[in-house]
Amino acid sequence: MASRIAYVLLVILSLILLASAVKLPQKSVVISFPKDTPGHILDQAKEAITQAGGFITHEYKIFKGFAATAPVKAFDAVKALSAQYLPVIEEDQIITAQ
């Protein structure tokens, strides 16, 4: 009986470890907001990114926005924060001048 319980616990622990090892695909983006967007909207957007398992890679000073890497579902949450201050979410990429 004790060995059976130990076996079941081992299987459950293995499944938990396997589930935590599976990561959602991440995407790097730049998120910008209109000039009149209140600061708390940006704070909520950054919080949505981190809550979804992502992270902020840069905060911009020239415009209201930031760069982030997160699962795609996090960006849906950011879009849903405010109908009045809609973000523009673009794939982060290197831009060169020729």
N, C-alpha and C. Protein backbone atom coordinates (compact mmCIF):
# COMPACT_ATOMS: atom_id res chain seq x y z
N MET A 1 0.82 -1.20 0.00
CA MET A 1 0.00 0.00 0.00
C MET A 1 0.87 1.27 0.00
N ALA A 2 1.89 1.29 0.84
CA ALA A 2 2.76 2.46 0.92
C ALA A 2 3.52 2.66 -0.39
N SER A 3 3.92 1.55 -1.02
CA SER A 3 4.65 1.69 -2.29
C SER A 3 3.72 2.19 -3.39
N ARG A 4 2.46 1.82 -3.31
CA ARG A 4 1.48 2.29 -4.30
C ARG A 4 1.26 3.81 -4.16
N ILE A 5 1.16 4.28 -2.94
CA ILE A 5 1.01 5.72 -2.68
C ILE A 5 2.25 6.47 -3.15
N ALA A 6 3.42 5.92 -2.87
CA ALA A 6 4.66 6.55 -3.30
C ALA A 6 4.72 6.62 -4.83
N TYR A 7 4.27 5.56 -5.50
CA TYR A 7 4.26 5.53 -6.96
C TYR A 7 3.32 6.61 -7.51
N VAL A 8 2.13 6.71 -6.94
CA VAL A 8 1.16 7.72 -7.39
C VAL A 8 1.72 9.12 -7.18
N LEU A 9 2.34 9.36 -6.04
CA LEU A 9 2.93 10.67 -5.77
C LEU A 9 4.06 10.97 -6.75
N LEU A 10 4.86 9.96 -7.08
CA LEU A 10 5.94 10.14 -8.04
C LEU A 10 5.40 10.50 -9.42
N VAL A 11 4.33 9.84 -9.84
CA VAL A 11 3.71 10.14 -11.13
C VAL A 11 3.16 11.56 -11.14
N ILE A 12 2.49 11.95 -10.08
CA ILE A 12 1.92 13.30 -9.99
C ILE A 12 3.03 14.35 -10.03
N LEU A 13 4.09 14.12 -9.27
CA LEU A 13 5.22 15.06 -9.25
C LEU A 13 5.86 15.15 -10.64
N SER A 14 6.01 14.04 -11.31
CA SER A 14 6.58 14.04 -12.66
C SER A 14 5.72 14.84 -13.62
N LEU A 15 4.40 14.69 -13.52
CA LEU A 15 3.50 15.44 -14.39
C LEU A 15 3.57 16.94 -14.11
N ILE A 16 3.67 17.29 -12.85
CA ILE A 16 3.78 18.71 -12.49
C ILE A 16 5.07 19.30 -13.05
N LEU A 17 6.18 18.58 -12.89
CA LEU A 17 7.45 19.06 -13.42
C LEU A 17 7.43 19.17 -14.94
N LEU A 18 6.81 18.21 -15.59
CA LEU A 18 6.70 18.25 -17.04
C LEU A 18 5.86 19.45 -17.49
N ALA A 19 4.76 19.69 -16.80
CA ALA A 19 3.89 20.82 -17.16
C ALA A 19 4.60 22.15 -16.96
N SER A 20 5.39 22.27 -15.91
CA SER A 20 6.09 23.53 -15.66
C SER A 20 7.25 23.73 -16.62
N ALA A 21 7.76 22.66 -17.20
CA ALA A 21 8.87 22.77 -18.15
C ALA A 21 8.39 23.22 -19.52
N VAL A 22 7.11 23.01 -19.82
CA VAL A 22 6.57 23.41 -21.12
C VAL A 22 6.31 24.91 -21.09
N LYS A 23 7.00 25.64 -21.96
CA LYS A 23 6.83 27.08 -22.00
C LYS A 23 6.09 27.47 -23.26
N LEU A 24 5.26 28.47 -23.13
CA LEU A 24 4.56 28.99 -24.30
C LEU A 24 5.56 29.75 -25.17
N PRO A 25 5.37 29.71 -26.48
CA PRO A 25 6.27 30.47 -27.36
C PRO A 25 6.20 31.96 -27.02
N GLN A 26 7.35 32.59 -27.01
CA GLN A 26 7.42 34.00 -26.68
C GLN A 26 7.68 34.82 -27.94
N LYS A 27 7.20 36.05 -27.91
CA LYS A 27 7.36 36.96 -29.04
C LYS A 27 7.88 38.29 -28.51
N SER A 28 8.81 38.90 -29.23
CA SER A 28 9.35 40.21 -28.85
C SER A 28 8.62 41.29 -29.63
N VAL A 29 8.12 42.28 -28.91
CA VAL A 29 7.33 43.34 -29.53
C VAL A 29 7.69 44.70 -28.95
N VAL A 30 7.27 45.73 -29.67
CA VAL A 30 7.28 47.11 -29.16
C VAL A 30 5.82 47.52 -29.04
N ILE A 31 5.45 48.00 -27.86
CA ILE A 31 4.07 48.43 -27.61
C ILE A 31 4.09 49.93 -27.38
N SER A 32 3.34 50.66 -28.21
CA SER A 32 3.26 52.11 -28.05
C SER A 32 1.81 52.52 -27.85
N PHE A 33 1.64 53.62 -27.13
CA PHE A 33 0.32 54.14 -26.80
C PHE A 33 0.19 55.57 -27.30
N PRO A 34 -1.05 56.07 -27.47
CA PRO A 34 -1.24 57.48 -27.83
C PRO A 34 -0.61 58.41 -26.80
N LYS A 35 -0.25 59.62 -27.23
CA LYS A 35 0.41 60.59 -26.36
C LYS A 35 -0.36 60.90 -25.09
N ASP A 36 -1.69 60.91 -25.16
CA ASP A 36 -2.50 61.30 -24.00
C ASP A 36 -2.86 60.12 -23.09
N THR A 37 -2.23 58.98 -23.28
CA THR A 37 -2.52 57.81 -22.44
C THR A 37 -2.03 58.05 -21.02
N PRO A 38 -2.89 57.86 -20.01
CA PRO A 38 -2.46 58.02 -18.62
C PRO A 38 -1.41 56.97 -18.23
N GLY A 39 -0.55 57.35 -17.31
CA GLY A 39 0.51 56.45 -16.86
C GLY A 39 0.00 55.13 -16.30
N HIS A 40 -1.17 55.17 -15.65
CA HIS A 40 -1.66 53.92 -15.04
C HIS A 40 -2.02 52.88 -16.10
N ILE A 41 -2.36 53.31 -17.31
CA ILE A 41 -2.65 52.36 -18.39
C ILE A 41 -1.36 51.64 -18.79
N LEU A 42 -0.27 52.39 -18.90
CA LEU A 42 1.02 51.77 -19.21
C LEU A 42 1.44 50.81 -18.09
N ASP A 43 1.22 51.21 -16.84
CA ASP A 43 1.55 50.34 -15.71
C ASP A 43 0.74 49.05 -15.76
N GLN A 44 -0.54 49.16 -16.09
CA GLN A 44 -1.39 47.97 -16.19
C GLN A 44 -0.93 47.07 -17.34
N ALA A 45 -0.50 47.68 -18.43
CA ALA A 45 -0.02 46.89 -19.58
C ALA A 45 1.25 46.13 -19.21
N LYS A 46 2.16 46.80 -18.52
CA LYS A 46 3.40 46.13 -18.09
C LYS A 46 3.10 45.01 -17.10
N GLU A 47 2.15 45.25 -16.22
CA GLU A 47 1.74 44.22 -15.26
C GLU A 47 1.13 43.02 -15.97
N ALA A 48 0.32 43.26 -17.00
CA ALA A 48 -0.28 42.15 -17.76
C ALA A 48 0.81 41.31 -18.43
N ILE A 49 1.85 41.96 -18.92
CA ILE A 49 2.96 41.24 -19.55
C ILE A 49 3.66 40.35 -18.52
N THR A 50 4.00 40.91 -17.37
CA THR A 50 4.73 40.12 -16.37
C THR A 50 3.85 39.03 -15.77
N GLN A 51 2.56 39.30 -15.59
CA GLN A 51 1.65 38.28 -15.06
C GLN A 51 1.53 37.09 -16.00
N ALA A 52 1.70 37.32 -17.30
CA ALA A 52 1.60 36.25 -18.29
C ALA A 52 2.92 35.51 -18.48
N GLY A 53 3.93 35.87 -17.69
CA GLY A 53 5.22 35.19 -17.79
C GLY A 53 6.22 35.87 -18.70
N GLY A 54 5.91 37.10 -19.11
CA GLY A 54 6.82 37.84 -19.97
C GLY A 54 7.67 38.81 -19.17
N PHE A 55 8.43 39.62 -19.87
CA PHE A 55 9.25 40.62 -19.20
C PHE A 55 9.43 41.84 -20.09
N ILE A 56 9.64 42.97 -19.45
CA ILE A 56 9.85 44.24 -20.14
C ILE A 56 11.34 44.34 -20.46
N THR A 57 11.67 44.59 -21.73
CA THR A 57 13.09 44.67 -22.12
C THR A 57 13.59 46.10 -22.23
N HIS A 58 12.67 47.06 -22.44
CA HIS A 58 13.09 48.46 -22.54
C HIS A 58 11.87 49.36 -22.35
N GLU A 59 12.07 50.48 -21.66
CA GLU A 59 11.02 51.49 -21.54
C GLU A 59 11.48 52.73 -22.30
N TYR A 60 10.64 53.20 -23.20
CA TYR A 60 11.00 54.32 -24.06
C TYR A 60 10.64 55.65 -23.41
N LYS A 61 11.47 56.65 -23.67
CA LYS A 61 11.23 58.00 -23.15
C LYS A 61 10.72 58.93 -24.24
N ILE A 62 11.05 58.64 -25.50
CA ILE A 62 10.65 59.50 -26.62
C ILE A 62 9.16 59.39 -26.89
N PHE A 63 8.60 58.22 -26.67
CA PHE A 63 7.16 58.02 -26.84
C PHE A 63 6.66 57.14 -25.71
N LYS A 64 5.35 57.13 -25.52
CA LYS A 64 4.76 56.32 -24.45
C LYS A 64 4.71 54.87 -24.91
N GLY A 65 5.64 54.09 -24.39
CA GLY A 65 5.66 52.70 -24.77
C GLY A 65 6.84 51.96 -24.19
N PHE A 66 6.92 50.69 -24.54
CA PHE A 66 7.98 49.83 -24.05
C PHE A 66 8.14 48.63 -24.97
N ALA A 67 9.28 47.96 -24.84
CA ALA A 67 9.52 46.72 -25.56
C ALA A 67 9.35 45.59 -24.56
N ALA A 68 8.85 44.46 -25.04
CA ALA A 68 8.60 43.33 -24.15
C ALA A 68 8.74 42.02 -24.90
N THR A 69 8.99 40.98 -24.14
CA THR A 69 8.98 39.61 -24.66
C THR A 69 8.00 38.85 -23.79
N ALA A 70 7.02 38.21 -24.42
CA ALA A 70 5.97 37.52 -23.67
C ALA A 70 5.22 36.54 -24.57
N PRO A 71 4.43 35.66 -23.95
CA PRO A 71 3.55 34.81 -24.76
C PRO A 71 2.53 35.67 -25.51
N VAL A 72 2.11 35.22 -26.66
CA VAL A 72 1.18 35.99 -27.51
C VAL A 72 -0.10 36.35 -26.76
N LYS A 73 -0.58 35.47 -25.89
CA LYS A 73 -1.82 35.76 -25.16
C LYS A 73 -1.71 37.01 -24.29
N ALA A 74 -0.50 37.35 -23.86
CA ALA A 74 -0.31 38.54 -23.04
C ALA A 74 -0.67 39.81 -23.81
N PHE A 75 -0.40 39.81 -25.11
CA PHE A 75 -0.67 41.00 -25.91
C PHE A 75 -2.17 41.19 -26.12
N ASP A 76 -2.91 40.11 -26.12
CA ASP A 76 -4.38 40.23 -26.17
C ASP A 76 -4.89 40.90 -24.90
N ALA A 77 -4.29 40.57 -23.77
CA ALA A 77 -4.68 41.19 -22.50
C ALA A 77 -4.36 42.68 -22.51
N VAL A 78 -3.24 43.06 -23.09
CA VAL A 78 -2.86 44.48 -23.17
C VAL A 78 -3.86 45.24 -24.05
N LYS A 79 -4.25 44.64 -25.17
CA LYS A 79 -5.22 45.29 -26.06
C LYS A 79 -6.57 45.50 -25.38
N ALA A 80 -6.93 44.62 -24.47
CA ALA A 80 -8.24 44.68 -23.82
C ALA A 80 -8.28 45.65 -22.64
N LEU A 81 -7.17 46.26 -22.28
CA LEU A 81 -7.13 47.13 -21.10
C LEU A 81 -7.98 48.39 -21.25
N SER A 82 -7.95 49.00 -22.42
CA SER A 82 -8.66 50.27 -22.58
C SER A 82 -9.10 50.45 -24.03
N ALA A 83 -10.38 50.73 -24.20
CA ALA A 83 -10.90 51.00 -25.55
C ALA A 83 -10.53 52.41 -26.00
N GLN A 84 -10.27 53.29 -25.04
CA GLN A 84 -9.97 54.68 -25.37
C GLN A 84 -8.50 54.87 -25.77
N TYR A 85 -7.59 54.12 -25.17
CA TYR A 85 -6.16 54.27 -25.42
C TYR A 85 -5.61 52.97 -26.01
N LEU A 86 -5.93 52.74 -27.28
CA LEU A 86 -5.54 51.48 -27.92
C LEU A 86 -4.04 51.47 -28.21
N PRO A 87 -3.36 50.39 -27.82
CA PRO A 87 -1.93 50.29 -28.10
C PRO A 87 -1.68 49.84 -29.54
N VAL A 88 -0.51 50.19 -30.04
CA VAL A 88 -0.02 49.65 -31.30
C VAL A 88 1.05 48.64 -30.90
N ILE A 89 0.86 47.39 -31.32
CA ILE A 89 1.79 46.32 -30.96
C ILE A 89 2.46 45.84 -32.25
N GLU A 90 3.78 46.05 -32.31
CA GLU A 90 4.55 45.69 -33.50
C GLU A 90 5.68 44.74 -33.12
N GLU A 91 6.01 43.85 -34.03
CA GLU A 91 7.13 42.95 -33.79
C GLU A 91 8.41 43.76 -33.66
N ASP A 92 9.19 43.46 -32.63
CA ASP A 92 10.46 44.14 -32.41
C ASP A 92 11.46 43.64 -33.44
N GLN A 93 12.09 44.57 -34.14
CA GLN A 93 13.05 44.18 -35.16
C GLN A 93 14.14 45.22 -35.30
N ILE A 94 15.22 44.84 -35.91
CA ILE A 94 16.33 45.76 -36.14
C ILE A 94 16.05 46.56 -37.41
N ILE A 95 16.22 47.87 -37.30
CA ILE A 95 16.01 48.76 -38.44
C ILE A 95 17.35 49.38 -38.79
N THR A 96 17.69 49.37 -40.07
CA THR A 96 18.96 49.95 -40.50
C THR A 96 18.71 51.04 -41.53
N ALA A 97 19.62 52.00 -41.57
CA ALA A 97 19.57 53.06 -42.58
C ALA A 97 20.64 52.77 -43.63
N GLN A 98 20.27 52.95 -44.88
CA GLN A 98 21.25 52.64 -45.94
C GLN A 98 21.72 53.88 -46.62
